[in-house]
Amino acid sequence: MKVVTTSIPATGIPSTLGVLLAGGLARRMGGGDKPMRTIGDRTILERVIARLSPQCSGLILNANGDPARFAVFGLQVIADDVPGFPGPLAGILAALDWTAANRPEIEWVLSAAGDCPFLPRDLVARLHEARERENAQLAVAASGDQTHPVIGLWRVALRNELRHALVVKDIRKIDRWTARYPLATVTWSTEPLDPFFNANTVEDITEAERLAALDAASQ
């Protein structure tokens, strides 16, 4: 079992396992693994890991197909167990099930898209703070006027309810499922760049190069 583990400061933030969602088909890039595309001298996935490792009590990767292609990153790779590529909810479900079986002391999972190289360094802290303040069961991120439901906090104890919704009710959209629960939404600024920018197309890679320079200058 390979899990990237990190040391979390004693800040009162609950232990949280991070899952990087890389199970998509990347059709707009002609197929392949979007997180393996390079920005500057690092892959997108390397950048995502660097952002989330200090915030989480461990990282795992949700991806389908041969896991060996991600071996260099040293992450536990878990596949969807719901057939037919039903979308990110299947990856979130796989992460909740894996956490319950392998890290039973952890009650929360953070999901993040594996193609978002500029994730906020306070992502986990702010989502937990909002969830607790608003007495919510779930929390998701937003920037500007756009919600990013794939980037959020999920309670491990809801995994059976999620499986029922996904398999029996055929609910595929994340916001359809989250609408069933008290939900906190946390908004980040889009200046100097949108921290939830994701590389969906070949053209986005060029834009990501420009944003990477802005991001480096803002540190």
N, C-alpha and C. Protein backbone atom coordinates (compact mmCIF):
# COMPACT_ATOMS: atom_id res chain seq x y z
N MET A 1 0.85 -1.19 0.00
CA MET A 1 0.00 0.00 0.00
C MET A 1 0.88 1.24 0.00
N LYS A 2 0.71 2.10 -0.99
CA LYS A 2 1.49 3.32 -1.08
C LYS A 2 0.59 4.51 -0.85
N VAL A 3 0.88 5.28 0.18
CA VAL A 3 0.15 6.49 0.48
C VAL A 3 1.17 7.56 0.82
N VAL A 4 1.10 8.68 0.14
CA VAL A 4 1.97 9.79 0.50
C VAL A 4 1.46 10.37 1.81
N THR A 5 2.29 10.31 2.85
CA THR A 5 1.88 10.82 4.15
C THR A 5 2.60 12.12 4.44
N THR A 6 1.97 12.95 5.24
CA THR A 6 2.53 14.25 5.56
C THR A 6 2.30 14.54 7.03
N SER A 7 2.97 15.53 7.53
CA SER A 7 2.81 15.94 8.92
C SER A 7 1.95 17.19 8.97
N ILE A 8 0.80 17.11 9.59
CA ILE A 8 -0.13 18.21 9.66
C ILE A 8 0.04 18.94 10.98
N PRO A 9 0.22 20.27 10.97
CA PRO A 9 0.34 21.02 12.22
C PRO A 9 -0.90 20.85 13.09
N ALA A 10 -0.73 20.97 14.38
CA ALA A 10 -1.85 20.82 15.31
C ALA A 10 -2.67 22.11 15.33
N THR A 11 -3.48 22.30 14.31
CA THR A 11 -4.25 23.53 14.15
C THR A 11 -5.73 23.32 14.46
N GLY A 12 -6.12 22.11 14.83
CA GLY A 12 -7.52 21.85 15.05
C GLY A 12 -8.25 21.39 13.81
N ILE A 13 -7.56 21.33 12.68
CA ILE A 13 -8.17 20.84 11.44
C ILE A 13 -8.23 19.32 11.50
N PRO A 14 -9.40 18.72 11.27
CA PRO A 14 -9.49 17.26 11.32
C PRO A 14 -8.56 16.59 10.30
N SER A 15 -8.04 15.43 10.66
CA SER A 15 -7.23 14.67 9.71
C SER A 15 -8.04 14.43 8.44
N THR A 16 -7.43 14.70 7.32
CA THR A 16 -8.13 14.67 6.03
C THR A 16 -7.26 13.97 5.00
N LEU A 17 -7.81 12.96 4.34
CA LEU A 17 -7.10 12.27 3.27
C LEU A 17 -7.44 12.96 1.95
N GLY A 18 -6.43 13.21 1.13
CA GLY A 18 -6.65 13.82 -0.17
C GLY A 18 -6.71 12.78 -1.27
N VAL A 19 -7.69 12.90 -2.17
CA VAL A 19 -7.74 12.05 -3.35
C VAL A 19 -7.66 12.93 -4.59
N LEU A 20 -6.72 12.60 -5.45
CA LEU A 20 -6.53 13.33 -6.70
C LEU A 20 -7.28 12.56 -7.78
N LEU A 21 -8.25 13.21 -8.38
CA LEU A 21 -9.11 12.55 -9.36
C LEU A 21 -8.50 12.66 -10.75
N ALA A 22 -8.11 11.53 -11.29
CA ALA A 22 -7.49 11.50 -12.61
C ALA A 22 -8.12 10.40 -13.46
N GLY A 23 -9.40 10.16 -13.23
CA GLY A 23 -10.06 9.07 -13.93
C GLY A 23 -10.73 9.45 -15.22
N GLY A 24 -10.63 10.75 -15.63
CA GLY A 24 -11.30 11.21 -16.84
C GLY A 24 -10.64 10.68 -18.10
N LEU A 25 -11.35 10.85 -19.23
CA LEU A 25 -10.88 10.32 -20.50
C LEU A 25 -10.09 11.34 -21.32
N ALA A 26 -10.09 12.62 -20.93
CA ALA A 26 -9.31 13.68 -21.58
C ALA A 26 -9.56 13.76 -23.08
N ARG A 27 -10.83 13.68 -23.47
CA ARG A 27 -11.16 13.68 -24.90
C ARG A 27 -10.73 14.97 -25.59
N ARG A 28 -10.82 16.11 -24.88
CA ARG A 28 -10.48 17.38 -25.51
C ARG A 28 -8.98 17.56 -25.71
N MET A 29 -8.19 16.68 -25.12
CA MET A 29 -6.75 16.68 -25.36
C MET A 29 -6.33 15.51 -26.23
N GLY A 30 -7.31 14.85 -26.81
CA GLY A 30 -7.00 13.72 -27.66
C GLY A 30 -6.74 12.44 -26.91
N GLY A 31 -7.22 12.37 -25.66
CA GLY A 31 -7.01 11.19 -24.84
C GLY A 31 -5.75 11.29 -24.01
N GLY A 32 -5.50 10.26 -23.20
CA GLY A 32 -4.33 10.26 -22.35
C GLY A 32 -4.63 10.85 -20.99
N ASP A 33 -3.59 11.01 -20.20
CA ASP A 33 -3.73 11.48 -18.82
C ASP A 33 -3.38 12.96 -18.75
N LYS A 34 -4.39 13.80 -18.53
CA LYS A 34 -4.13 15.24 -18.43
C LYS A 34 -3.11 15.58 -17.34
N PRO A 35 -3.19 14.96 -16.17
CA PRO A 35 -2.24 15.33 -15.11
C PRO A 35 -0.78 15.05 -15.46
N MET A 36 -0.53 14.25 -16.51
CA MET A 36 0.85 13.94 -16.88
C MET A 36 1.42 14.95 -17.87
N ARG A 37 0.58 15.91 -18.32
CA ARG A 37 1.10 16.97 -19.19
C ARG A 37 2.03 17.86 -18.38
N THR A 38 2.97 18.49 -19.07
CA THR A 38 4.01 19.27 -18.40
C THR A 38 3.75 20.76 -18.49
N ILE A 39 3.94 21.43 -17.36
CA ILE A 39 3.94 22.89 -17.31
C ILE A 39 5.30 23.29 -16.77
N GLY A 40 6.05 24.00 -17.60
CA GLY A 40 7.43 24.29 -17.20
C GLY A 40 8.21 23.00 -17.12
N ASP A 41 8.85 22.78 -16.00
CA ASP A 41 9.67 21.58 -15.85
C ASP A 41 9.03 20.53 -14.97
N ARG A 42 7.72 20.70 -14.70
CA ARG A 42 7.03 19.74 -13.83
C ARG A 42 5.69 19.35 -14.44
N THR A 43 5.29 18.10 -14.18
CA THR A 43 3.97 17.69 -14.63
C THR A 43 2.89 18.38 -13.78
N ILE A 44 1.69 18.44 -14.34
CA ILE A 44 0.58 19.02 -13.58
C ILE A 44 0.38 18.24 -12.29
N LEU A 45 0.49 16.92 -12.35
CA LEU A 45 0.27 16.10 -11.16
C LEU A 45 1.31 16.41 -10.09
N GLU A 46 2.55 16.62 -10.47
CA GLU A 46 3.56 17.01 -9.49
C GLU A 46 3.17 18.30 -8.79
N ARG A 47 2.64 19.24 -9.53
CA ARG A 47 2.24 20.51 -8.95
C ARG A 47 1.06 20.33 -7.99
N VAL A 48 0.11 19.48 -8.37
CA VAL A 48 -1.03 19.22 -7.49
C VAL A 48 -0.57 18.57 -6.19
N ILE A 49 0.30 17.60 -6.30
CA ILE A 49 0.83 16.92 -5.10
C ILE A 49 1.54 17.91 -4.19
N ALA A 50 2.34 18.79 -4.79
CA ALA A 50 3.07 19.78 -3.99
C ALA A 50 2.13 20.71 -3.24
N ARG A 51 0.98 21.05 -3.85
CA ARG A 51 0.03 21.93 -3.20
C ARG A 51 -0.71 21.24 -2.06
N LEU A 52 -1.07 19.98 -2.25
CA LEU A 52 -1.94 19.32 -1.29
C LEU A 52 -1.20 18.54 -0.20
N SER A 53 0.01 18.09 -0.47
CA SER A 53 0.73 17.28 0.53
C SER A 53 0.82 17.96 1.89
N PRO A 54 1.15 19.26 1.96
CA PRO A 54 1.25 19.88 3.28
C PRO A 54 -0.09 20.04 4.00
N GLN A 55 -1.20 19.87 3.27
CA GLN A 55 -2.51 20.12 3.84
C GLN A 55 -3.24 18.86 4.29
N CYS A 56 -2.78 17.70 3.83
CA CYS A 56 -3.51 16.46 4.04
C CYS A 56 -2.70 15.45 4.85
N SER A 57 -3.42 14.49 5.44
CA SER A 57 -2.79 13.43 6.21
C SER A 57 -2.36 12.26 5.34
N GLY A 58 -2.43 12.43 4.05
CA GLY A 58 -2.05 11.43 3.08
C GLY A 58 -2.72 11.73 1.76
N LEU A 59 -2.15 11.23 0.66
CA LEU A 59 -2.72 11.42 -0.67
C LEU A 59 -2.83 10.07 -1.37
N ILE A 60 -3.93 9.90 -2.08
CA ILE A 60 -4.11 8.75 -2.97
C ILE A 60 -4.56 9.28 -4.32
N LEU A 61 -4.50 8.44 -5.33
CA LEU A 61 -4.84 8.84 -6.69
C LEU A 61 -5.95 7.95 -7.22
N ASN A 62 -7.00 8.55 -7.73
CA ASN A 62 -8.07 7.80 -8.39
C ASN A 62 -7.82 7.84 -9.90
N ALA A 63 -7.57 6.67 -10.48
CA ALA A 63 -7.34 6.57 -11.92
C ALA A 63 -7.72 5.17 -12.38
N ASN A 64 -8.18 5.09 -13.60
CA ASN A 64 -8.54 3.80 -14.18
C ASN A 64 -7.47 3.35 -15.18
N GLY A 65 -7.45 2.07 -15.51
CA GLY A 65 -6.42 1.55 -16.39
C GLY A 65 -5.21 1.09 -15.61
N ASP A 66 -4.09 0.95 -16.30
CA ASP A 66 -2.87 0.42 -15.70
C ASP A 66 -2.29 1.41 -14.70
N PRO A 67 -2.25 1.06 -13.40
CA PRO A 67 -1.73 2.00 -12.40
C PRO A 67 -0.23 2.22 -12.50
N ALA A 68 0.47 1.35 -13.23
CA ALA A 68 1.93 1.44 -13.30
C ALA A 68 2.39 2.76 -13.92
N ARG A 69 1.55 3.38 -14.72
CA ARG A 69 1.97 4.62 -15.38
C ARG A 69 2.14 5.77 -14.39
N PHE A 70 1.62 5.60 -13.17
CA PHE A 70 1.77 6.62 -12.13
C PHE A 70 2.79 6.21 -11.06
N ALA A 71 3.51 5.14 -11.30
CA ALA A 71 4.37 4.58 -10.25
C ALA A 71 5.41 5.57 -9.75
N VAL A 72 5.89 6.45 -10.62
CA VAL A 72 6.94 7.38 -10.24
C VAL A 72 6.51 8.32 -9.12
N PHE A 73 5.20 8.51 -8.93
CA PHE A 73 4.72 9.45 -7.92
C PHE A 73 4.59 8.81 -6.54
N GLY A 74 4.66 7.50 -6.47
CA GLY A 74 4.61 6.82 -5.18
C GLY A 74 3.26 6.89 -4.49
N LEU A 75 2.19 7.08 -5.24
CA LEU A 75 0.85 7.17 -4.67
C LEU A 75 0.11 5.85 -4.80
N GLN A 76 -0.71 5.53 -3.81
CA GLN A 76 -1.66 4.44 -3.93
C GLN A 76 -2.67 4.82 -5.02
N VAL A 77 -2.85 3.97 -6.01
CA VAL A 77 -3.78 4.23 -7.11
C VAL A 77 -5.01 3.35 -6.92
N ILE A 78 -6.18 3.97 -6.86
CA ILE A 78 -7.43 3.23 -6.72
C ILE A 78 -8.30 3.52 -7.93
N ALA A 79 -8.95 2.48 -8.44
CA ALA A 79 -9.81 2.61 -9.62
C ALA A 79 -11.27 2.71 -9.19
N ASP A 80 -12.10 3.22 -10.09
CA ASP A 80 -13.55 3.18 -9.87
C ASP A 80 -13.99 1.73 -9.78
N ASP A 81 -14.97 1.45 -8.91
CA ASP A 81 -15.55 0.11 -8.93
C ASP A 81 -16.98 0.15 -9.46
N VAL A 82 -17.40 1.32 -9.96
CA VAL A 82 -18.68 1.44 -10.65
C VAL A 82 -18.37 1.50 -12.14
N PRO A 83 -18.87 0.56 -12.94
CA PRO A 83 -18.46 0.49 -14.35
C PRO A 83 -19.04 1.63 -15.18
N GLY A 84 -18.43 1.82 -16.35
CA GLY A 84 -18.99 2.74 -17.33
C GLY A 84 -18.52 4.17 -17.22
N PHE A 85 -17.43 4.45 -16.50
CA PHE A 85 -16.93 5.81 -16.34
C PHE A 85 -18.03 6.79 -15.97
N PRO A 86 -18.68 6.60 -14.82
CA PRO A 86 -19.82 7.45 -14.45
C PRO A 86 -19.44 8.84 -13.97
N GLY A 87 -18.15 9.18 -13.96
CA GLY A 87 -17.75 10.52 -13.60
C GLY A 87 -17.09 10.62 -12.25
N PRO A 88 -16.82 11.85 -11.80
CA PRO A 88 -16.03 12.04 -10.57
C PRO A 88 -16.68 11.50 -9.32
N LEU A 89 -18.01 11.38 -9.27
CA LEU A 89 -18.62 10.81 -8.08
C LEU A 89 -18.14 9.38 -7.83
N ALA A 90 -17.85 8.65 -8.91
CA ALA A 90 -17.35 7.28 -8.74
C ALA A 90 -15.96 7.31 -8.12
N GLY A 91 -15.14 8.28 -8.49
CA GLY A 91 -13.82 8.41 -7.90
C GLY A 91 -13.89 8.80 -6.43
N ILE A 92 -14.81 9.70 -6.11
CA ILE A 92 -15.01 10.09 -4.72
C ILE A 92 -15.47 8.90 -3.90
N LEU A 93 -16.41 8.13 -4.44
CA LEU A 93 -16.90 6.93 -3.75
C LEU A 93 -15.76 5.95 -3.50
N ALA A 94 -14.94 5.72 -4.51
CA ALA A 94 -13.80 4.80 -4.35
C ALA A 94 -12.88 5.28 -3.24
N ALA A 95 -12.67 6.59 -3.16
CA ALA A 95 -11.80 7.14 -2.12
C ALA A 95 -12.41 6.98 -0.73
N LEU A 96 -13.72 7.20 -0.62
CA LEU A 96 -14.38 7.03 0.68
C LEU A 96 -14.30 5.58 1.14
N ASP A 97 -14.55 4.65 0.22
CA ASP A 97 -14.47 3.23 0.57
C ASP A 97 -13.05 2.83 0.97
N TRP A 98 -12.06 3.33 0.21
CA TRP A 98 -10.67 3.00 0.51
C TRP A 98 -10.28 3.54 1.88
N THR A 99 -10.70 4.76 2.18
CA THR A 99 -10.36 5.36 3.47
C THR A 99 -10.98 4.59 4.62
N ALA A 100 -12.24 4.19 4.47
CA ALA A 100 -12.91 3.43 5.52
C ALA A 100 -12.18 2.11 5.79
N ALA A 101 -11.67 1.49 4.74
CA ALA A 101 -11.02 0.19 4.89
C ALA A 101 -9.56 0.30 5.35
N ASN A 102 -8.87 1.36 4.95
CA ASN A 102 -7.43 1.44 5.18
C ASN A 102 -6.98 2.52 6.16
N ARG A 103 -7.79 3.56 6.32
CA ARG A 103 -7.47 4.64 7.25
C ARG A 103 -8.71 4.94 8.09
N PRO A 104 -9.17 3.98 8.90
CA PRO A 104 -10.45 4.13 9.60
C PRO A 104 -10.45 5.28 10.61
N GLU A 105 -9.28 5.78 10.97
CA GLU A 105 -9.22 6.90 11.91
C GLU A 105 -9.57 8.23 11.24
N ILE A 106 -9.63 8.25 9.92
CA ILE A 106 -9.90 9.48 9.18
C ILE A 106 -11.38 9.56 8.80
N GLU A 107 -12.01 10.68 9.10
CA GLU A 107 -13.44 10.86 8.84
C GLU A 107 -13.73 11.71 7.61
N TRP A 108 -12.69 12.36 7.06
CA TRP A 108 -12.91 13.30 5.96
C TRP A 108 -11.97 13.03 4.80
N VAL A 109 -12.50 13.19 3.59
CA VAL A 109 -11.71 13.09 2.37
C VAL A 109 -11.86 14.39 1.59
N LEU A 110 -10.74 14.92 1.14
CA LEU A 110 -10.75 16.05 0.22
C LEU A 110 -10.55 15.53 -1.18
N SER A 111 -11.43 15.89 -2.10
CA SER A 111 -11.23 15.53 -3.50
C SER A 111 -10.74 16.76 -4.25
N ALA A 112 -9.86 16.52 -5.21
CA ALA A 112 -9.36 17.61 -6.06
C ALA A 112 -9.09 17.05 -7.44
N ALA A 113 -9.36 17.86 -8.45
CA ALA A 113 -9.08 17.45 -9.81
C ALA A 113 -7.57 17.35 -10.01
N GLY A 114 -7.14 16.30 -10.67
CA GLY A 114 -5.72 16.09 -10.89
C GLY A 114 -5.13 16.99 -11.94
N ASP A 115 -5.96 17.87 -12.55
CA ASP A 115 -5.44 18.77 -13.58
C ASP A 115 -5.54 20.24 -13.16
N CYS A 116 -5.56 20.49 -11.84
CA CYS A 116 -5.61 21.86 -11.30
C CYS A 116 -4.27 22.17 -10.64
N PRO A 117 -3.33 22.78 -11.35
CA PRO A 117 -1.97 22.93 -10.82
C PRO A 117 -1.77 24.05 -9.82
N PHE A 118 -2.79 24.91 -9.62
CA PHE A 118 -2.59 26.09 -8.77
C PHE A 118 -3.53 26.11 -7.56
N LEU A 119 -3.83 24.96 -7.02
CA LEU A 119 -4.78 24.85 -5.91
C LEU A 119 -4.34 25.72 -4.72
N PRO A 120 -5.31 26.28 -3.99
CA PRO A 120 -4.95 27.15 -2.86
C PRO A 120 -4.21 26.39 -1.77
N ARG A 121 -3.28 27.06 -1.14
CA ARG A 121 -2.53 26.44 -0.05
C ARG A 121 -3.33 26.41 1.26
N ASP A 122 -4.47 27.08 1.29
CA ASP A 122 -5.35 27.04 2.46
C ASP A 122 -6.66 26.32 2.16
N LEU A 123 -6.65 25.46 1.15
CA LEU A 123 -7.87 24.80 0.69
C LEU A 123 -8.53 23.99 1.79
N VAL A 124 -7.80 23.09 2.40
CA VAL A 124 -8.38 22.20 3.41
C VAL A 124 -8.84 22.99 4.63
N ALA A 125 -8.01 23.92 5.07
CA ALA A 125 -8.35 24.69 6.27
C ALA A 125 -9.63 25.50 6.08
N ARG A 126 -9.75 26.20 4.97
CA ARG A 126 -10.93 27.04 4.76
C ARG A 126 -12.19 26.23 4.55
N LEU A 127 -12.09 25.09 3.87
CA LEU A 127 -13.27 24.24 3.69
C LEU A 127 -13.76 23.71 5.04
N HIS A 128 -12.83 23.25 5.88
CA HIS A 128 -13.23 22.76 7.20
C HIS A 128 -13.81 23.88 8.05
N GLU A 129 -13.20 25.05 8.01
CA GLU A 129 -13.70 26.17 8.81
C GLU A 129 -15.14 26.53 8.41
N ALA A 130 -15.41 26.57 7.12
CA ALA A 130 -16.76 26.90 6.66
C ALA A 130 -17.75 25.81 7.02
N ARG A 131 -17.32 24.56 6.87
CA ARG A 131 -18.21 23.45 7.21
C ARG A 131 -18.61 23.50 8.68
N GLU A 132 -17.64 23.75 9.54
CA GLU A 132 -17.93 23.80 10.97
C GLU A 132 -18.77 25.03 11.32
N ARG A 133 -18.44 26.16 10.73
CA ARG A 133 -19.16 27.40 11.03
C ARG A 133 -20.62 27.32 10.61
N GLU A 134 -20.87 26.68 9.48
CA GLU A 134 -22.22 26.60 8.94
C GLU A 134 -22.93 25.30 9.31
N ASN A 135 -22.28 24.47 10.13
CA ASN A 135 -22.85 23.19 10.54
C ASN A 135 -23.28 22.37 9.32
N ALA A 136 -22.41 22.33 8.31
CA ALA A 136 -22.71 21.63 7.07
C ALA A 136 -22.11 20.23 7.09
N GLN A 137 -22.64 19.36 6.26
CA GLN A 137 -22.12 18.00 6.15
C GLN A 137 -21.06 17.88 5.07
N LEU A 138 -21.09 18.82 4.11
CA LEU A 138 -20.16 18.80 3.00
C LEU A 138 -19.69 20.23 2.74
N ALA A 139 -18.59 20.38 2.01
CA ALA A 139 -18.11 21.70 1.65
C ALA A 139 -17.45 21.63 0.28
N VAL A 140 -17.69 22.64 -0.55
CA VAL A 140 -17.09 22.70 -1.88
C VAL A 140 -16.47 24.06 -2.11
N ALA A 141 -15.60 24.12 -3.11
CA ALA A 141 -14.88 25.34 -3.43
C ALA A 141 -15.56 26.09 -4.56
N ALA A 142 -15.28 27.40 -4.61
CA ALA A 142 -15.76 28.26 -5.68
C ALA A 142 -14.71 29.34 -5.92
N SER A 143 -14.78 29.96 -7.10
CA SER A 143 -13.93 31.11 -7.40
C SER A 143 -14.71 32.01 -8.34
N GLY A 144 -14.64 33.32 -8.07
CA GLY A 144 -15.46 34.22 -8.85
C GLY A 144 -16.92 33.85 -8.67
N ASP A 145 -17.62 33.65 -9.77
CA ASP A 145 -19.02 33.25 -9.69
C ASP A 145 -19.23 31.80 -10.11
N GLN A 146 -18.18 31.01 -10.05
CA GLN A 146 -18.25 29.62 -10.49
C GLN A 146 -17.96 28.67 -9.34
N THR A 147 -18.85 27.69 -9.14
CA THR A 147 -18.63 26.65 -8.14
C THR A 147 -17.83 25.51 -8.77
N HIS A 148 -16.99 24.89 -7.96
CA HIS A 148 -16.17 23.76 -8.43
C HIS A 148 -16.50 22.54 -7.57
N PRO A 149 -17.61 21.87 -7.86
CA PRO A 149 -18.09 20.80 -6.98
C PRO A 149 -17.14 19.61 -6.87
N VAL A 150 -16.24 19.44 -7.84
CA VAL A 150 -15.31 18.30 -7.77
C VAL A 150 -14.24 18.54 -6.71
N ILE A 151 -14.11 19.78 -6.25
CA ILE A 151 -13.11 20.11 -5.23
C ILE A 151 -13.84 20.36 -3.93
N GLY A 152 -13.82 19.38 -3.05
CA GLY A 152 -14.62 19.52 -1.84
C GLY A 152 -14.26 18.52 -0.76
N LEU A 153 -14.92 18.67 0.37
CA LEU A 153 -14.78 17.80 1.52
C LEU A 153 -15.96 16.85 1.59
N TRP A 154 -15.65 15.57 1.83
CA TRP A 154 -16.69 14.54 1.87
C TRP A 154 -16.54 13.72 3.14
N ARG A 155 -17.64 13.51 3.83
CA ARG A 155 -17.63 12.72 5.06
C ARG A 155 -17.62 11.23 4.69
N VAL A 156 -16.66 10.50 5.22
CA VAL A 156 -16.52 9.08 4.90
C VAL A 156 -17.79 8.31 5.26
N ALA A 157 -18.46 8.72 6.32
CA ALA A 157 -19.66 8.03 6.78
C ALA A 157 -20.81 8.08 5.77
N LEU A 158 -20.71 8.95 4.76
CA LEU A 158 -21.78 9.05 3.75
C LEU A 158 -21.55 8.13 2.56
N ARG A 159 -20.55 7.26 2.63
CA ARG A 159 -20.20 6.48 1.45
C ARG A 159 -21.32 5.55 0.99
N ASN A 160 -22.06 4.95 1.92
CA ASN A 160 -23.14 4.05 1.50
C ASN A 160 -24.29 4.82 0.85
N GLU A 161 -24.55 6.01 1.36
CA GLU A 161 -25.58 6.84 0.73
C GLU A 161 -25.15 7.28 -0.66
N LEU A 162 -23.87 7.57 -0.82
CA LEU A 162 -23.37 7.94 -2.14
C LEU A 162 -23.46 6.77 -3.11
N ARG A 163 -23.09 5.58 -2.65
CA ARG A 163 -23.17 4.41 -3.54
C ARG A 163 -24.61 4.18 -3.99
N HIS A 164 -25.57 4.31 -3.08
CA HIS A 164 -26.97 4.13 -3.45
C HIS A 164 -27.39 5.17 -4.49
N ALA A 165 -26.98 6.41 -4.27
CA ALA A 165 -27.35 7.47 -5.21
C ALA A 165 -26.75 7.22 -6.59
N LEU A 166 -25.51 6.76 -6.60
CA LEU A 166 -24.80 6.58 -7.87
C LEU A 166 -25.26 5.34 -8.62
N VAL A 167 -25.41 4.23 -7.89
CA VAL A 167 -25.69 2.94 -8.54
C VAL A 167 -27.19 2.73 -8.73
N VAL A 168 -27.98 3.04 -7.72
CA VAL A 168 -29.43 2.77 -7.78
C VAL A 168 -30.18 3.94 -8.42
N LYS A 169 -29.87 5.15 -7.99
CA LYS A 169 -30.59 6.33 -8.49
C LYS A 169 -29.98 6.91 -9.76
N ASP A 170 -28.81 6.42 -10.15
CA ASP A 170 -28.11 6.88 -11.35
C ASP A 170 -27.85 8.39 -11.32
N ILE A 171 -27.50 8.90 -10.15
CA ILE A 171 -27.12 10.30 -10.01
C ILE A 171 -25.66 10.44 -10.37
N ARG A 172 -25.37 11.19 -11.44
CA ARG A 172 -24.00 11.33 -11.90
C ARG A 172 -23.40 12.70 -11.60
N LYS A 173 -24.21 13.74 -11.52
CA LYS A 173 -23.70 15.08 -11.29
C LYS A 173 -23.49 15.32 -9.79
N ILE A 174 -22.33 15.85 -9.47
CA ILE A 174 -22.00 16.06 -8.06
C ILE A 174 -23.00 16.98 -7.38
N ASP A 175 -23.39 18.07 -8.06
CA ASP A 175 -24.27 19.03 -7.39
C ASP A 175 -25.68 18.49 -7.17
N ARG A 176 -26.07 17.48 -7.92
CA ARG A 176 -27.36 16.82 -7.65
C ARG A 176 -27.29 16.05 -6.33
N TRP A 177 -26.12 15.45 -6.08
CA TRP A 177 -25.98 14.69 -4.83
C TRP A 177 -25.80 15.62 -3.64
N THR A 178 -24.95 16.64 -3.78
CA THR A 178 -24.71 17.54 -2.66
C THR A 178 -25.95 18.33 -2.27
N ALA A 179 -26.89 18.50 -3.21
CA ALA A 179 -28.12 19.24 -2.91
C ALA A 179 -28.95 18.55 -1.83
N ARG A 180 -28.65 17.30 -1.53
CA ARG A 180 -29.39 16.56 -0.51
C ARG A 180 -28.93 16.88 0.90
N TYR A 181 -27.81 17.60 1.03
CA TYR A 181 -27.18 17.79 2.34
C TYR A 181 -26.91 19.27 2.60
N PRO A 182 -26.80 19.64 3.88
CA PRO A 182 -26.32 20.99 4.18
C PRO A 182 -24.91 21.17 3.61
N LEU A 183 -24.74 22.19 2.79
CA LEU A 183 -23.50 22.36 2.03
C LEU A 183 -22.91 23.74 2.27
N ALA A 184 -21.64 23.79 2.59
CA ALA A 184 -20.91 25.07 2.70
C ALA A 184 -20.13 25.29 1.41
N THR A 185 -20.15 26.50 0.91
CA THR A 185 -19.39 26.87 -0.29
C THR A 185 -18.41 27.98 0.07
N VAL A 186 -17.16 27.77 -0.26
CA VAL A 186 -16.10 28.73 0.06
C VAL A 186 -15.56 29.31 -1.24
N THR A 187 -15.50 30.64 -1.33
CA THR A 187 -15.09 31.31 -2.55
C THR A 187 -13.69 31.90 -2.40
N TRP A 188 -12.84 31.63 -3.39
CA TRP A 188 -11.49 32.20 -3.46
C TRP A 188 -11.45 33.28 -4.54
N SER A 189 -10.56 34.22 -4.37
CA SER A 189 -10.36 35.28 -5.36
C SER A 189 -9.74 34.70 -6.63
N THR A 190 -10.01 35.34 -7.75
CA THR A 190 -9.41 34.95 -9.03
C THR A 190 -8.23 35.84 -9.39
N GLU A 191 -7.77 36.66 -8.46
CA GLU A 191 -6.61 37.52 -8.69
C GLU A 191 -5.45 37.11 -7.79
N PRO A 192 -4.23 37.02 -8.26
CA PRO A 192 -3.81 37.31 -9.63
C PRO A 192 -4.13 36.21 -10.63
N LEU A 193 -4.62 35.05 -10.14
CA LEU A 193 -5.04 33.97 -11.03
C LEU A 193 -6.08 33.13 -10.31
N ASP A 194 -6.87 32.44 -11.12
CA ASP A 194 -7.89 31.55 -10.56
C ASP A 194 -7.19 30.29 -10.03
N PRO A 195 -7.26 30.03 -8.72
CA PRO A 195 -6.56 28.87 -8.18
C PRO A 195 -7.14 27.54 -8.63
N PHE A 196 -8.32 27.59 -9.26
CA PHE A 196 -8.95 26.36 -9.73
C PHE A 196 -8.92 26.23 -11.25
N PHE A 197 -8.05 27.00 -11.88
CA PHE A 197 -7.81 26.84 -13.32
C PHE A 197 -7.45 25.39 -13.59
N ASN A 198 -8.09 24.81 -14.60
CA ASN A 198 -7.73 23.44 -14.96
C ASN A 198 -7.44 23.33 -16.45
N ALA A 199 -6.55 22.44 -16.77
CA ALA A 199 -6.07 22.28 -18.14
C ALA A 199 -6.92 21.25 -18.87
N ASN A 200 -7.90 21.73 -19.62
CA ASN A 200 -8.80 20.84 -20.34
C ASN A 200 -8.41 20.64 -21.79
N THR A 201 -7.72 21.61 -22.37
CA THR A 201 -7.38 21.56 -23.79
C THR A 201 -5.89 21.82 -23.97
N VAL A 202 -5.42 21.57 -25.19
CA VAL A 202 -4.03 21.85 -25.50
C VAL A 202 -3.74 23.34 -25.32
N GLU A 203 -4.70 24.18 -25.69
CA GLU A 203 -4.52 25.63 -25.54
C GLU A 203 -4.38 26.02 -24.07
N ASP A 204 -5.07 25.28 -23.19
CA ASP A 204 -4.97 25.58 -21.76
C ASP A 204 -3.55 25.38 -21.23
N ILE A 205 -2.81 24.48 -21.83
CA ILE A 205 -1.44 24.25 -21.39
C ILE A 205 -0.60 25.51 -21.60
N THR A 206 -0.82 26.17 -22.75
CA THR A 206 -0.11 27.42 -23.02
C THR A 206 -0.48 28.47 -21.99
N GLU A 207 -1.77 28.58 -21.68
CA GLU A 207 -2.21 29.54 -20.67
C GLU A 207 -1.64 29.17 -19.30
N ALA A 208 -1.55 27.89 -19.01
CA ALA A 208 -1.01 27.46 -17.72
C ALA A 208 0.45 27.87 -17.57
N GLU A 209 1.20 27.88 -18.65
CA GLU A 209 2.59 28.33 -18.58
C GLU A 209 2.65 29.79 -18.12
N ARG A 210 1.76 30.62 -18.66
CA ARG A 210 1.72 32.04 -18.27
C ARG A 210 1.32 32.17 -16.81
N LEU A 211 0.31 31.40 -16.40
CA LEU A 211 -0.17 31.48 -15.02
C LEU A 211 0.87 30.96 -14.02
N ALA A 212 1.65 29.97 -14.44
CA ALA A 212 2.69 29.44 -13.56
C ALA A 212 3.71 30.53 -13.23
N ALA A 213 4.02 31.37 -14.21
CA ALA A 213 4.95 32.47 -13.96
C ALA A 213 4.34 33.48 -12.99
N LEU A 214 3.03 33.76 -13.14
CA LEU A 214 2.35 34.67 -12.22
C LEU A 214 2.33 34.08 -10.81
N ASP A 215 2.06 32.79 -10.74
CA ASP A 215 1.98 32.12 -9.44
C ASP A 215 3.33 32.17 -8.73
N ALA A 216 4.40 31.91 -9.47
CA ALA A 216 5.73 31.93 -8.87
C ALA A 216 6.08 33.34 -8.38
N ALA A 217 5.65 34.36 -9.14
CA ALA A 217 5.97 35.73 -8.76
C ALA A 217 5.20 36.19 -7.54
N SER A 218 4.05 35.54 -7.29
CA SER A 218 3.21 35.97 -6.16
C SER A 218 3.61 35.35 -4.83
N GLN A 219 4.56 34.40 -4.86
CA GLN A 219 4.97 33.70 -3.63
C GLN A 219 5.99 34.53 -2.85
